[in-house]
């Protein structure tokens, strides 16, 4: 029996409270290193960062937790 995992899209918004472009760059670089099992689309406009996750919902949940930790560290 083959079980298909639910695939979908999830959007997460972050805000750059640090006012530092260097911190945003470090945040994006750490995302690139740490999350490599989902497709991501990241838009940065001013202090707003919008991340769209595509893939398995289980992996989206894990990635969301990791993204929150990285945001707390850099933003």
C-alpha atoms as a PDB file:
ATOM      1  CA  UNK A   1       0.000   0.000   0.000  1.00  0.00           C
ATOM      2  CA  UNK A   2       1.337   3.410  -0.976  1.00  0.00           C
ATOM      3  CA  UNK A   3       0.449   6.408   1.176  1.00  0.00           C
ATOM      4  CA  UNK A   4       0.648   9.874  -0.342  1.00  0.00           C
ATOM      5  CA  UNK A   5       1.629  12.708   1.942  1.00  0.00           C
ATOM      6  CA  UNK A   6      -0.421  15.859   1.876  1.00  0.00           C
ATOM      7  CA  UNK A   7       1.358  18.547  -0.083  1.00  0.00           C
ATOM      8  CA  UNK A   8       0.512  22.188   0.196  1.00  0.00           C
ATOM      9  CA  UNK A   9       1.662  25.747   0.601  1.00  0.00           C
ATOM     10  CA  UNK A  10       2.251  27.737   3.781  1.00  0.00           C
ATOM     11  CA  UNK A  11       3.072  31.436   4.087  1.00  0.00           C
ATOM     12  CA  UNK A  12       4.973  32.876   7.057  1.00  0.00           C
ATOM     13  CA  UNK A  13       5.664  36.551   7.677  1.00  0.00           C
ATOM     14  CA  UNK A  14       8.575  37.951   9.673  1.00  0.00           C
ATOM     15  CA  UNK A  15       9.515  41.526  10.529  1.00  0.00           C
ATOM     16  CA  UNK A  16      13.080  42.810  10.777  1.00  0.00           C
ATOM     17  CA  UNK A  17      13.055  44.517  14.180  1.00  0.00           C
ATOM     18  CA  UNK A  18      16.841  44.815  14.210  1.00  0.00           C
ATOM     19  CA  UNK A  19      16.904  47.410  11.383  1.00  0.00           C
ATOM     20  CA  UNK A  20      20.101  45.721  10.174  1.00  0.00           C
ATOM     21  CA  UNK A  21      20.559  44.568   6.586  1.00  0.00           C
ATOM     22  CA  UNK A  22      23.466  42.376   7.729  1.00  0.00           C
ATOM     23  CA  UNK A  23      21.150  40.460  10.059  1.00  0.00           C
ATOM     24  CA  UNK A  24      18.665  39.888   7.224  1.00  0.00           C
ATOM     25  CA  UNK A  25      21.466  38.545   5.045  1.00  0.00           C
ATOM     26  CA  UNK A  26      22.657  36.245   7.857  1.00  0.00           C
ATOM     27  CA  UNK A  27      19.056  35.079   8.344  1.00  0.00           C
ATOM     28  CA  UNK A  28      18.685  34.257   4.643  1.00  0.00           C
ATOM     29  CA  UNK A  29      22.069  32.497   4.507  1.00  0.00           C
ATOM     30  CA  UNK A  30      21.177  30.373   7.523  1.00  0.00           C
ATOM     31  CA  UNK A  31      17.850  29.438   5.900  1.00  0.00           C
ATOM     32  CA  UNK A  32      19.751  28.349   2.809  1.00  0.00           C
ATOM     33  CA  UNK A  33      22.050  26.143   4.921  1.00  0.00           C
ATOM     34  CA  UNK A  34      19.461  24.689   7.321  1.00  0.00           C
ATOM     35  CA  UNK A  35      16.356  24.114   5.181  1.00  0.00           C
ATOM     36  CA  UNK A  36      17.079  22.078   2.101  1.00  0.00           C
ATOM     37  CA  UNK A  37      14.173  19.626   1.948  1.00  0.00           C
ATOM     38  CA  UNK A  38      11.406  22.052   0.877  1.00  0.00           C
ATOM     39  CA  UNK A  39      10.930  24.534  -1.906  1.00  0.00           C
ATOM     40  CA  UNK A  40      10.982  28.093  -0.593  1.00  0.00           C
ATOM     41  CA  UNK A  41      10.076  31.449  -2.059  1.00  0.00           C
ATOM     42  CA  UNK A  42      11.345  34.421  -0.038  1.00  0.00           C
ATOM     43  CA  UNK A  43      10.394  38.056  -0.634  1.00  0.00           C
ATOM     44  CA  UNK A  44      12.062  40.887   1.280  1.00  0.00           C
ATOM     45  CA  UNK A  45      10.437  44.311   1.060  1.00  0.00           C
ATOM     46  CA  UNK A  46      11.758  46.889   3.491  1.00  0.00           C
ATOM     47  CA  UNK A  47      11.498  45.377   6.963  1.00  0.00           C
ATOM     48  CA  UNK A  48       8.959  42.738   5.909  1.00  0.00           C
ATOM     49  CA  UNK A  49      10.067  39.192   5.039  1.00  0.00           C
ATOM     50  CA  UNK A  50       7.544  36.815   3.466  1.00  0.00           C
ATOM     51  CA  UNK A  51       8.451  33.127   3.204  1.00  0.00           C
ATOM     52  CA  UNK A  52       6.314  30.685   1.221  1.00  0.00           C
ATOM     53  CA  UNK A  53       6.925  26.978   1.857  1.00  0.00           C
ATOM     54  CA  UNK A  54       5.966  24.312  -0.692  1.00  0.00           C
ATOM     55  CA  UNK A  55       6.001  20.604   0.083  1.00  0.00           C
ATOM     56  CA  UNK A  56       4.862  18.021   2.604  1.00  0.00           C
ATOM     57  CA  UNK A  57       2.886  19.452   5.508  1.00  0.00           C
ATOM     58  CA  UNK A  58       4.963  17.485   8.010  1.00  0.00           C
ATOM     59  CA  UNK A  59       8.137  19.038   6.635  1.00  0.00           C
ATOM     60  CA  UNK A  60       6.480  22.458   6.547  1.00  0.00           C
ATOM     61  CA  UNK A  61       5.753  22.158  10.259  1.00  0.00           C
ATOM     62  CA  UNK A  62       9.374  21.252  11.047  1.00  0.00           C
ATOM     63  CA  UNK A  63      10.680  24.038   8.822  1.00  0.00           C
ATOM     64  CA  UNK A  64       8.337  26.567  10.456  1.00  0.00           C
ATOM     65  CA  UNK A  65       9.764  25.801  13.876  1.00  0.00           C
ATOM     66  CA  UNK A  66      13.318  26.129  12.575  1.00  0.00           C
ATOM     67  CA  UNK A  67      12.464  29.412  10.793  1.00  0.00           C
ATOM     68  CA  UNK A  68      11.022  30.850  14.001  1.00  0.00           C
ATOM     69  CA  UNK A  69      14.207  29.939  15.875  1.00  0.00           C
ATOM     70  CA  UNK A  70      16.374  31.544  13.184  1.00  0.00           C
ATOM     71  CA  UNK A  71      14.198  34.673  13.155  1.00  0.00           C
ATOM     72  CA  UNK A  72      14.552  35.003  16.921  1.00  0.00           C
ATOM     73  CA  UNK A  73      18.308  34.663  16.554  1.00  0.00           C
ATOM     74  CA  UNK A  74      18.852  37.142  13.700  1.00  0.00           C
ATOM     75  CA  UNK A  75      15.851  39.458  13.573  1.00  0.00           C
END
